[in-house]
């Protein structure tokens, strides 16, 4: 039987009509070509951790599959369990501009004055993957998916940013780039806010290379605190479909994290505002009671 080309696997899948809070499809494989084709369509993989999780997928999606709302994709091993690999495309999608990552005032001050952190990109991809997988429940970042993502990294499609303190890896993030769009898969920290710095660093490098949009995949208070805003999935799919100029290779060199928190220009007015706007009585000491 002829193998299905990666792009053809998802050709008949209408992602725009996929469930907003459930898998869009099951099956296929984790080959690098399949992964890239999925990300181009606005999908990302969530492998089942074990047979129990696969059986749970099947039980939960049985009616949707029977109704044609969720697809079963062919894989290279036709005897394999398709429910062992789910493909998701949530709606809404939390999106942010590469220059819109928010560090916050406190962290910015620490970076400028106290934290001697340095950052790199694509220098410790495997270590970042392993740290992101550590202790996660359910363990979606399986060894098979880590191997597949490492393959994408070798092809130049998967990127990581690393945060270093005295030679120790204290934070990181990784994601998949499809043209001018970068989908953030996971992050970790071993020091408070190190993951936030990693996201800001990867965003800055991606923007400098010509990147225009970042996707945080799952909406949450944490990704909103980074600057992401939930947008209709249709907007994300449209951005992926745009005919954009290719993105240049990322700068991977070691750089100071303090550059991500530049000094703000000071307000030239006394105390941040003119005397004309001060309340005439707020700072007046009362000397008598009437």
C-alpha atoms as a PDB file:
ATOM      1  CA  UNK A   1       0.000   0.000   0.000  1.00  0.00           C
ATOM      2  CA  UNK A   2       1.356   3.424  -0.943  1.00  0.00           C
ATOM      3  CA  UNK A   3       2.271   5.648   1.983  1.00  0.00           C
ATOM      4  CA  UNK A   4       0.317   8.864   2.357  1.00  0.00           C
ATOM      5  CA  UNK A   5       2.379  12.031   1.833  1.00  0.00           C
ATOM      6  CA  UNK A   6       2.499  14.271   4.953  1.00  0.00           C
ATOM      7  CA  UNK A   7       0.671  17.172   3.312  1.00  0.00           C
ATOM      8  CA  UNK A   8      -2.062  14.827   2.061  1.00  0.00           C
ATOM      9  CA  UNK A   9      -2.697  13.481   5.555  1.00  0.00           C
ATOM     10  CA  UNK A  10      -4.340  16.716   6.676  1.00  0.00           C
ATOM     11  CA  UNK A  11      -5.615  17.948   3.285  1.00  0.00           C
ATOM     12  CA  UNK A  12      -9.174  16.751   3.852  1.00  0.00           C
ATOM     13  CA  UNK A  13      -9.267  17.918   7.471  1.00  0.00           C
ATOM     14  CA  UNK A  14     -11.254  21.130   7.936  1.00  0.00           C
ATOM     15  CA  UNK A  15      -9.434  22.537  10.973  1.00  0.00           C
ATOM     16  CA  UNK A  16     -11.681  25.619  10.982  1.00  0.00           C
ATOM     17  CA  UNK A  17     -14.605  23.361  11.913  1.00  0.00           C
ATOM     18  CA  UNK A  18     -12.708  21.182  14.370  1.00  0.00           C
ATOM     19  CA  UNK A  19     -13.854  21.011  18.007  1.00  0.00           C
ATOM     20  CA  UNK A  20     -12.799  24.070  19.974  1.00  0.00           C
ATOM     21  CA  UNK A  21     -11.860  22.152  23.121  1.00  0.00           C
ATOM     22  CA  UNK A  22     -11.136  18.640  21.886  1.00  0.00           C
ATOM     23  CA  UNK A  23      -8.925  16.778  19.422  1.00  0.00           C
ATOM     24  CA  UNK A  24      -9.365  17.578  15.734  1.00  0.00           C
ATOM     25  CA  UNK A  25      -8.009  14.190  14.638  1.00  0.00           C
ATOM     26  CA  UNK A  26      -6.323  10.974  15.749  1.00  0.00           C
ATOM     27  CA  UNK A  27      -3.704   8.819  14.118  1.00  0.00           C
ATOM     28  CA  UNK A  28      -0.868   9.376  11.622  1.00  0.00           C
ATOM     29  CA  UNK A  29       2.686   9.405  13.010  1.00  0.00           C
ATOM     30  CA  UNK A  30       5.399  11.624  14.467  1.00  0.00           C
ATOM     31  CA  UNK A  31       7.702  11.731  11.456  1.00  0.00           C
ATOM     32  CA  UNK A  32       9.294  15.174  10.927  1.00  0.00           C
ATOM     33  CA  UNK A  33       7.362  15.713   7.686  1.00  0.00           C
ATOM     34  CA  UNK A  34       4.080  14.869   9.409  1.00  0.00           C
ATOM     35  CA  UNK A  35       4.828  17.234  12.275  1.00  0.00           C
ATOM     36  CA  UNK A  36       5.648  20.126   9.946  1.00  0.00           C
ATOM     37  CA  UNK A  37       2.521  19.505   7.883  1.00  0.00           C
ATOM     38  CA  UNK A  38       0.421  19.519  11.056  1.00  0.00           C
ATOM     39  CA  UNK A  39       1.892  22.778  12.388  1.00  0.00           C
ATOM     40  CA  UNK A  40       1.313  24.408   8.998  1.00  0.00           C
ATOM     41  CA  UNK A  41      -2.364  23.496   9.390  1.00  0.00           C
ATOM     42  CA  UNK A  42      -2.582  24.896  12.922  1.00  0.00           C
ATOM     43  CA  UNK A  43      -2.390  21.515  14.657  1.00  0.00           C
ATOM     44  CA  UNK A  44      -0.036  20.193  17.316  1.00  0.00           C
ATOM     45  CA  UNK A  45       0.392  16.638  18.674  1.00  0.00           C
ATOM     46  CA  UNK A  46      -0.527  15.211  22.050  1.00  0.00           C
ATOM     47  CA  UNK A  47       0.546  11.561  22.298  1.00  0.00           C
ATOM     48  CA  UNK A  48      -1.163   9.308  24.825  1.00  0.00           C
ATOM     49  CA  UNK A  49       1.177   8.396  27.659  1.00  0.00           C
ATOM     50  CA  UNK A  50       0.003   4.764  27.837  1.00  0.00           C
ATOM     51  CA  UNK A  51      -2.676   2.298  26.735  1.00  0.00           C
ATOM     52  CA  UNK A  52      -5.095   3.581  29.379  1.00  0.00           C
ATOM     53  CA  UNK A  53      -4.837   7.146  28.030  1.00  0.00           C
ATOM     54  CA  UNK A  54      -5.350   5.850  24.500  1.00  0.00           C
ATOM     55  CA  UNK A  55      -8.461   3.950  25.559  1.00  0.00           C
ATOM     56  CA  UNK A  56      -9.754   7.084  27.276  1.00  0.00           C
ATOM     57  CA  UNK A  57      -9.248   9.031  24.012  1.00  0.00           C
ATOM     58  CA  UNK A  58     -11.259   6.442  22.125  1.00  0.00           C
ATOM     59  CA  UNK A  59     -14.100   6.395  24.647  1.00  0.00           C
ATOM     60  CA  UNK A  60     -14.330  10.186  24.772  1.00  0.00           C
ATOM     61  CA  UNK A  61     -14.195  10.705  20.998  1.00  0.00           C
ATOM     62  CA  UNK A  62     -16.243   7.707  19.845  1.00  0.00           C
ATOM     63  CA  UNK A  63     -19.393   9.660  18.980  1.00  0.00           C
ATOM     64  CA  UNK A  64     -17.519  12.552  17.359  1.00  0.00           C
ATOM     65  CA  UNK A  65     -15.543  10.143  15.168  1.00  0.00           C
ATOM     66  CA  UNK A  66     -18.710   8.265  14.173  1.00  0.00           C
ATOM     67  CA  UNK A  67     -20.369  11.591  13.251  1.00  0.00           C
ATOM     68  CA  UNK A  68     -17.385  12.642  11.142  1.00  0.00           C
ATOM     69  CA  UNK A  69     -16.576  15.588  13.400  1.00  0.00           C
ATOM     70  CA  UNK A  70     -13.165  14.167  14.328  1.00  0.00           C
ATOM     71  CA  UNK A  71     -10.987  12.430  11.748  1.00  0.00           C
ATOM     72  CA  UNK A  72      -9.036   9.193  11.968  1.00  0.00           C
ATOM     73  CA  UNK A  73      -5.824   9.597   9.970  1.00  0.00           C
ATOM     74  CA  UNK A  74      -3.937   6.708   8.356  1.00  0.00           C
ATOM     75  CA  UNK A  75      -0.511   5.846   9.679  1.00  0.00           C
ATOM     76  CA  UNK A  76       2.455   3.845   8.366  1.00  0.00           C
ATOM     77  CA  UNK A  77       1.547   0.919  10.607  1.00  0.00           C
ATOM     78  CA  UNK A  78      -2.043   0.090   9.763  1.00  0.00           C
ATOM     79  CA  UNK A  79      -2.352  -2.179  12.782  1.00  0.00           C
ATOM     80  CA  UNK A  80      -1.414   0.595  15.188  1.00  0.00           C
ATOM     81  CA  UNK A  81      -3.862   2.209  17.581  1.00  0.00           C
ATOM     82  CA  UNK A  82      -4.851   5.592  16.057  1.00  0.00           C
ATOM     83  CA  UNK A  83      -6.044   6.901  19.428  1.00  0.00           C
ATOM     84  CA  UNK A  84      -2.493   6.825  20.751  1.00  0.00           C
ATOM     85  CA  UNK A  85      -1.833  10.129  18.962  1.00  0.00           C
ATOM     86  CA  UNK A  86      -4.187  13.104  19.089  1.00  0.00           C
ATOM     87  CA  UNK A  87      -3.947  16.331  17.084  1.00  0.00           C
ATOM     88  CA  UNK A  88      -5.306  19.521  18.650  1.00  0.00           C
ATOM     89  CA  UNK A  89      -6.165  23.013  17.446  1.00  0.00           C
ATOM     90  CA  UNK A  90      -7.904  24.893  20.293  1.00  0.00           C
ATOM     91  CA  UNK A  91     -10.215  27.819  19.687  1.00  0.00           C
ATOM     92  CA  UNK A  92      -9.491  30.543  20.682  1.00  0.00           C
ATOM     93  CA  UNK A  93      -5.718  30.641  20.261  1.00  0.00           C
ATOM     94  CA  UNK A  94      -3.600  32.875  22.546  1.00  0.00           C
ATOM     95  CA  UNK A  95      -1.517  35.011  20.165  1.00  0.00           C
ATOM     96  CA  UNK A  96       1.092  37.681  20.756  1.00  0.00           C
ATOM     97  CA  UNK A  97       3.414  39.801  18.679  1.00  0.00           C
ATOM     98  CA  UNK A  98       7.113  38.927  19.047  1.00  0.00           C
ATOM     99  CA  UNK A  99       7.755  42.418  20.407  1.00  0.00           C
ATOM    100  CA  UNK A 100       4.829  42.204  22.836  1.00  0.00           C
ATOM    101  CA  UNK A 101       6.172  39.854  25.529  1.00  0.00           C
ATOM    102  CA  UNK A 102       5.691  41.422  28.957  1.00  0.00           C
ATOM    103  CA  UNK A 103       8.375  41.026  31.609  1.00  0.00           C
ATOM    104  CA  UNK A 104       6.836  43.253  34.266  1.00  0.00           C
ATOM    105  CA  UNK A 105       8.494  46.092  36.180  1.00  0.00           C
ATOM    106  CA  UNK A 106       9.923  44.033  39.031  1.00  0.00           C
ATOM    107  CA  UNK A 107      11.586  41.477  36.762  1.00  0.00           C
ATOM    108  CA  UNK A 108      12.866  44.214  34.465  1.00  0.00           C
ATOM    109  CA  UNK A 109      14.524  45.968  37.419  1.00  0.00           C
ATOM    110  CA  UNK A 110      16.097  42.701  38.568  1.00  0.00           C
ATOM    111  CA  UNK A 111      17.496  42.026  35.111  1.00  0.00           C
ATOM    112  CA  UNK A 112      18.997  45.496  34.918  1.00  0.00           C
ATOM    113  CA  UNK A 113      20.417  45.621  38.432  1.00  0.00           C
ATOM    114  CA  UNK A 114      20.848  42.212  40.088  1.00  0.00           C
ATOM    115  CA  UNK A 115      20.341  39.122  37.908  1.00  0.00           C
ATOM    116  CA  UNK A 116      23.450  38.173  35.970  1.00  0.00           C
ATOM    117  CA  UNK A 117      21.571  36.016  33.475  1.00  0.00           C
ATOM    118  CA  UNK A 118      22.650  35.258  29.925  1.00  0.00           C
ATOM    119  CA  UNK A 119      20.662  33.733  27.093  1.00  0.00           C
ATOM    120  CA  UNK A 120      21.336  31.596  24.046  1.00  0.00           C
ATOM    121  CA  UNK A 121      19.180  30.036  21.335  1.00  0.00           C
ATOM    122  CA  UNK A 122      19.383  26.510  19.920  1.00  0.00           C
ATOM    123  CA  UNK A 123      22.437  25.727  22.054  1.00  0.00           C
ATOM    124  CA  UNK A 124      20.820  23.218  24.441  1.00  0.00           C
ATOM    125  CA  UNK A 125      17.668  22.038  22.652  1.00  0.00           C
ATOM    126  CA  UNK A 126      17.813  18.508  24.071  1.00  0.00           C
ATOM    127  CA  UNK A 127      18.308  19.778  27.617  1.00  0.00           C
ATOM    128  CA  UNK A 128      15.345  22.125  27.277  1.00  0.00           C
ATOM    129  CA  UNK A 129      13.160  19.269  25.990  1.00  0.00           C
ATOM    130  CA  UNK A 130      14.147  17.033  28.892  1.00  0.00           C
ATOM    131  CA  UNK A 131      13.533  19.789  31.446  1.00  0.00           C
ATOM    132  CA  UNK A 132      10.105  20.575  29.966  1.00  0.00           C
ATOM    133  CA  UNK A 133       9.148  16.893  30.173  1.00  0.00           C
ATOM    134  CA  UNK A 134      10.322  16.519  33.762  1.00  0.00           C
ATOM    135  CA  UNK A 135       7.501  16.014  36.251  1.00  0.00           C
ATOM    136  CA  UNK A 136       4.686  16.948  33.834  1.00  0.00           C
ATOM    137  CA  UNK A 137       1.345  15.204  34.312  1.00  0.00           C
ATOM    138  CA  UNK A 138       0.040  13.865  32.087  1.00  0.00           C
ATOM    139  CA  UNK A 139       3.421  13.136  30.457  1.00  0.00           C
ATOM    140  CA  UNK A 140       2.558  14.310  26.937  1.00  0.00           C
ATOM    141  CA  UNK A 141       6.181  15.027  25.968  1.00  0.00           C
ATOM    142  CA  UNK A 142       6.928  11.335  25.446  1.00  0.00           C
ATOM    143  CA  UNK A 143      10.325   9.964  24.395  1.00  0.00           C
ATOM    144  CA  UNK A 144       8.924   9.396  20.878  1.00  0.00           C
ATOM    145  CA  UNK A 145       7.773  13.012  20.604  1.00  0.00           C
ATOM    146  CA  UNK A 146      11.089  14.267  21.984  1.00  0.00           C
ATOM    147  CA  UNK A 147      12.893  12.281  19.305  1.00  0.00           C
ATOM    148  CA  UNK A 148      10.629  13.697  16.602  1.00  0.00           C
ATOM    149  CA  UNK A 149      11.092  17.270  17.840  1.00  0.00           C
ATOM    150  CA  UNK A 150      14.849  16.761  17.902  1.00  0.00           C
ATOM    151  CA  UNK A 151      14.565  15.772  14.250  1.00  0.00           C
ATOM    152  CA  UNK A 152      12.743  19.030  13.527  1.00  0.00           C
ATOM    153  CA  UNK A 153      15.487  20.891  15.372  1.00  0.00           C
ATOM    154  CA  UNK A 154      18.093  19.343  13.096  1.00  0.00           C
ATOM    155  CA  UNK A 155      16.038  20.546  10.127  1.00  0.00           C
ATOM    156  CA  UNK A 156      15.997  24.093  11.529  1.00  0.00           C
ATOM    157  CA  UNK A 157      12.246  24.185  12.265  1.00  0.00           C
ATOM    158  CA  UNK A 158      12.283  23.658  16.043  1.00  0.00           C
ATOM    159  CA  UNK A 159      13.949  26.290  18.210  1.00  0.00           C
ATOM    160  CA  UNK A 160      14.819  26.745  21.858  1.00  0.00           C
ATOM    161  CA  UNK A 161      15.918  29.637  24.031  1.00  0.00           C
ATOM    162  CA  UNK A 162      18.012  29.014  27.117  1.00  0.00           C
ATOM    163  CA  UNK A 163      18.591  31.127  30.233  1.00  0.00           C
ATOM    164  CA  UNK A 164      21.896  30.634  32.058  1.00  0.00           C
ATOM    165  CA  UNK A 165      23.111  31.581  35.529  1.00  0.00           C
ATOM    166  CA  UNK A 166      26.783  30.884  36.297  1.00  0.00           C
ATOM    167  CA  UNK A 167      26.849  28.228  33.596  1.00  0.00           C
ATOM    168  CA  UNK A 168      23.682  26.486  34.861  1.00  0.00           C
ATOM    169  CA  UNK A 169      20.576  26.155  32.705  1.00  0.00           C
ATOM    170  CA  UNK A 170      17.848  27.808  34.807  1.00  0.00           C
ATOM    171  CA  UNK A 171      15.064  28.289  32.279  1.00  0.00           C
ATOM    172  CA  UNK A 172      14.040  27.612  28.715  1.00  0.00           C
ATOM    173  CA  UNK A 173      11.338  27.380  26.078  1.00  0.00           C
ATOM    174  CA  UNK A 174      10.955  25.609  22.753  1.00  0.00           C
ATOM    175  CA  UNK A 175       8.622  25.908  19.798  1.00  0.00           C
ATOM    176  CA  UNK A 176       8.099  25.211  16.099  1.00  0.00           C
ATOM    177  CA  UNK A 177       8.501  27.887  13.419  1.00  0.00           C
ATOM    178  CA  UNK A 178       6.325  27.796  10.314  1.00  0.00           C
ATOM    179  CA  UNK A 179       7.354  30.727   8.162  1.00  0.00           C
ATOM    180  CA  UNK A 180       6.781  33.947  10.129  1.00  0.00           C
ATOM    181  CA  UNK A 181       4.731  32.143  12.823  1.00  0.00           C
ATOM    182  CA  UNK A 182       6.216  30.469  15.908  1.00  0.00           C
ATOM    183  CA  UNK A 183       4.154  28.050  17.992  1.00  0.00           C
ATOM    184  CA  UNK A 184       5.398  27.803  21.590  1.00  0.00           C
ATOM    185  CA  UNK A 185       5.138  24.241  22.856  1.00  0.00           C
ATOM    186  CA  UNK A 186       6.469  24.271  26.406  1.00  0.00           C
ATOM    187  CA  UNK A 187       8.690  26.122  28.873  1.00  0.00           C
ATOM    188  CA  UNK A 188      10.327  25.467  32.224  1.00  0.00           C
ATOM    189  CA  UNK A 189      12.113  27.334  35.017  1.00  0.00           C
ATOM    190  CA  UNK A 190      14.532  26.505  37.822  1.00  0.00           C
ATOM    191  CA  UNK A 191      14.632  30.103  39.019  1.00  0.00           C
ATOM    192  CA  UNK A 192      11.570  32.350  39.383  1.00  0.00           C
ATOM    193  CA  UNK A 193      10.663  34.047  36.084  1.00  0.00           C
ATOM    194  CA  UNK A 194      13.429  32.330  34.101  1.00  0.00           C
ATOM    195  CA  UNK A 195      10.837  30.844  31.725  1.00  0.00           C
ATOM    196  CA  UNK A 196       9.383  34.305  31.135  1.00  0.00           C
ATOM    197  CA  UNK A 197      12.842  35.585  30.227  1.00  0.00           C
ATOM    198  CA  UNK A 198      13.326  32.630  27.864  1.00  0.00           C
ATOM    199  CA  UNK A 199      10.077  33.471  26.054  1.00  0.00           C
ATOM    200  CA  UNK A 200      11.070  37.121  25.759  1.00  0.00           C
ATOM    201  CA  UNK A 201      14.488  36.147  24.442  1.00  0.00           C
ATOM    202  CA  UNK A 202      13.152  33.725  21.830  1.00  0.00           C
ATOM    203  CA  UNK A 203      10.587  36.324  20.781  1.00  0.00           C
ATOM    204  CA  UNK A 204      13.272  38.999  20.361  1.00  0.00           C
ATOM    205  CA  UNK A 205      15.440  36.710  18.252  1.00  0.00           C
ATOM    206  CA  UNK A 206      12.451  35.588  16.176  1.00  0.00           C
ATOM    207  CA  UNK A 207      11.389  39.190  15.572  1.00  0.00           C
ATOM    208  CA  UNK A 208      14.928  40.130  14.486  1.00  0.00           C
ATOM    209  CA  UNK A 209      14.805  37.249  11.982  1.00  0.00           C
ATOM    210  CA  UNK A 210      11.561  38.529  10.477  1.00  0.00           C
ATOM    211  CA  UNK A 211       8.999  36.646  12.572  1.00  0.00           C
ATOM    212  CA  UNK A 212       5.602  38.295  12.917  1.00  0.00           C
ATOM    213  CA  UNK A 213       3.389  36.206  15.205  1.00  0.00           C
ATOM    214  CA  UNK A 214       3.668  33.814  18.148  1.00  0.00           C
ATOM    215  CA  UNK A 215       1.123  31.279  19.345  1.00  0.00           C
ATOM    216  CA  UNK A 216       0.968  29.996  22.928  1.00  0.00           C
ATOM    217  CA  UNK A 217      -1.442  27.151  21.968  1.00  0.00           C
ATOM    218  CA  UNK A 218      -3.450  26.960  25.234  1.00  0.00           C
ATOM    219  CA  UNK A 219      -5.102  29.963  26.831  1.00  0.00           C
ATOM    220  CA  UNK A 220      -4.269  30.447  30.522  1.00  0.00           C
ATOM    221  CA  UNK A 221      -3.653  33.239  33.037  1.00  0.00           C
ATOM    222  CA  UNK A 222       0.080  32.586  32.711  1.00  0.00           C
ATOM    223  CA  UNK A 223       0.271  33.081  28.941  1.00  0.00           C
ATOM    224  CA  UNK A 224      -1.956  36.146  29.247  1.00  0.00           C
ATOM    225  CA  UNK A 225       0.499  37.575  31.768  1.00  0.00           C
ATOM    226  CA  UNK A 226       3.156  37.203  29.074  1.00  0.00           C
ATOM    227  CA  UNK A 227       1.121  39.422  26.767  1.00  0.00           C
ATOM    228  CA  UNK A 228      -0.852  36.810  24.823  1.00  0.00           C
ATOM    229  CA  UNK A 229      -4.466  37.603  23.964  1.00  0.00           C
ATOM    230  CA  UNK A 230      -7.038  34.969  22.948  1.00  0.00           C
ATOM    231  CA  UNK A 231      -7.967  35.350  19.285  1.00  0.00           C
ATOM    232  CA  UNK A 232     -10.344  33.363  17.077  1.00  0.00           C
ATOM    233  CA  UNK A 233      -8.665  30.293  15.645  1.00  0.00           C
ATOM    234  CA  UNK A 234      -9.618  31.549  12.183  1.00  0.00           C
ATOM    235  CA  UNK A 235      -7.196  34.447  12.585  1.00  0.00           C
ATOM    236  CA  UNK A 236      -4.367  32.078  13.422  1.00  0.00           C
ATOM    237  CA  UNK A 237      -5.160  29.817  10.469  1.00  0.00           C
ATOM    238  CA  UNK A 238      -5.225  32.852   8.172  1.00  0.00           C
ATOM    239  CA  UNK A 239      -1.796  33.937   9.408  1.00  0.00           C
ATOM    240  CA  UNK A 240      -0.405  30.472   8.685  1.00  0.00           C
ATOM    241  CA  UNK A 241      -1.834  30.596   5.153  1.00  0.00           C
ATOM    242  CA  UNK A 242      -0.305  33.969   4.276  1.00  0.00           C
ATOM    243  CA  UNK A 243       2.346  34.067   1.574  1.00  0.00           C
ATOM    244  CA  UNK A 244       5.098  35.719   3.617  1.00  0.00           C
ATOM    245  CA  UNK A 245       8.799  36.250   3.061  1.00  0.00           C
ATOM    246  CA  UNK A 246      11.007  33.527   4.554  1.00  0.00           C
ATOM    247  CA  UNK A 247      12.389  34.104   8.026  1.00  0.00           C
ATOM    248  CA  UNK A 248      16.150  34.450   8.380  1.00  0.00           C
ATOM    249  CA  UNK A 249      18.145  32.077  10.615  1.00  0.00           C
ATOM    250  CA  UNK A 250      17.899  32.898  14.308  1.00  0.00           C
ATOM    251  CA  UNK A 251      20.776  34.574  16.104  1.00  0.00           C
ATOM    252  CA  UNK A 252      22.006  31.869  18.485  1.00  0.00           C
ATOM    253  CA  UNK A 253      24.847  33.726  20.198  1.00  0.00           C
ATOM    254  CA  UNK A 254      25.214  34.272  23.937  1.00  0.00           C
ATOM    255  CA  UNK A 255      23.660  37.577  24.923  1.00  0.00           C
ATOM    256  CA  UNK A 256      22.910  39.349  28.231  1.00  0.00           C
ATOM    257  CA  UNK A 257      19.341  38.970  29.439  1.00  0.00           C
ATOM    258  CA  UNK A 258      19.464  42.578  30.674  1.00  0.00           C
ATOM    259  CA  UNK A 259      19.057  43.762  27.075  1.00  0.00           C
ATOM    260  CA  UNK A 260      15.441  42.533  27.243  1.00  0.00           C
ATOM    261  CA  UNK A 261      14.667  45.144  29.922  1.00  0.00           C
ATOM    262  CA  UNK A 262      16.039  48.462  28.641  1.00  0.00           C
ATOM    263  CA  UNK A 263      15.875  51.544  30.818  1.00  0.00           C
ATOM    264  CA  UNK A 264      12.713  53.552  30.324  1.00  0.00           C
ATOM    265  CA  UNK A 265      13.219  57.224  29.514  1.00  0.00           C
ATOM    266  CA  UNK A 266      12.590  59.312  32.586  1.00  0.00           C
ATOM    267  CA  UNK A 267       9.794  61.841  32.679  1.00  0.00           C
ATOM    268  CA  UNK A 268      11.488  65.266  32.593  1.00  0.00           C
ATOM    269  CA  UNK A 269       8.784  66.786  34.800  1.00  0.00           C
ATOM    270  CA  UNK A 270       9.413  66.920  38.575  1.00  0.00           C
ATOM    271  CA  UNK A 271       8.159  63.764  40.299  1.00  0.00           C
ATOM    272  CA  UNK A 272       6.679  62.532  37.032  1.00  0.00           C
ATOM    273  CA  UNK A 273       4.124  65.331  36.589  1.00  0.00           C
ATOM    274  CA  UNK A 274       3.995  69.106  36.618  1.00  0.00           C
ATOM    275  CA  UNK A 275       3.249  71.099  39.753  1.00  0.00           C
ATOM    276  CA  UNK A 276       0.159  72.508  38.051  1.00  0.00           C
ATOM    277  CA  UNK A 277      -1.508  69.101  38.365  1.00  0.00           C
ATOM    278  CA  UNK A 278      -0.882  68.647  42.072  1.00  0.00           C
ATOM    279  CA  UNK A 279      -3.848  68.788  44.389  1.00  0.00           C
ATOM    280  CA  UNK A 280      -3.645  72.161  46.203  1.00  0.00           C
ATOM    281  CA  UNK A 281      -4.520  70.725  49.630  1.00  0.00           C
ATOM    282  CA  UNK A 282      -3.323  67.112  49.567  1.00  0.00           C
ATOM    283  CA  UNK A 283       0.088  67.813  51.121  1.00  0.00           C
ATOM    284  CA  UNK A 284      -0.930  70.768  53.294  1.00  0.00           C
ATOM    285  CA  UNK A 285      -0.564  70.148  57.027  1.00  0.00           C
ATOM    286  CA  UNK A 286      -3.631  71.187  58.973  1.00  0.00           C
ATOM    287  CA  UNK A 287      -2.604  73.556  61.789  1.00  0.00           C
ATOM    288  CA  UNK A 288      -5.938  74.351  63.408  1.00  0.00           C
ATOM    289  CA  UNK A 289      -9.404  73.003  63.754  1.00  0.00           C
ATOM    290  CA  UNK A 290     -12.328  75.253  62.921  1.00  0.00           C
END
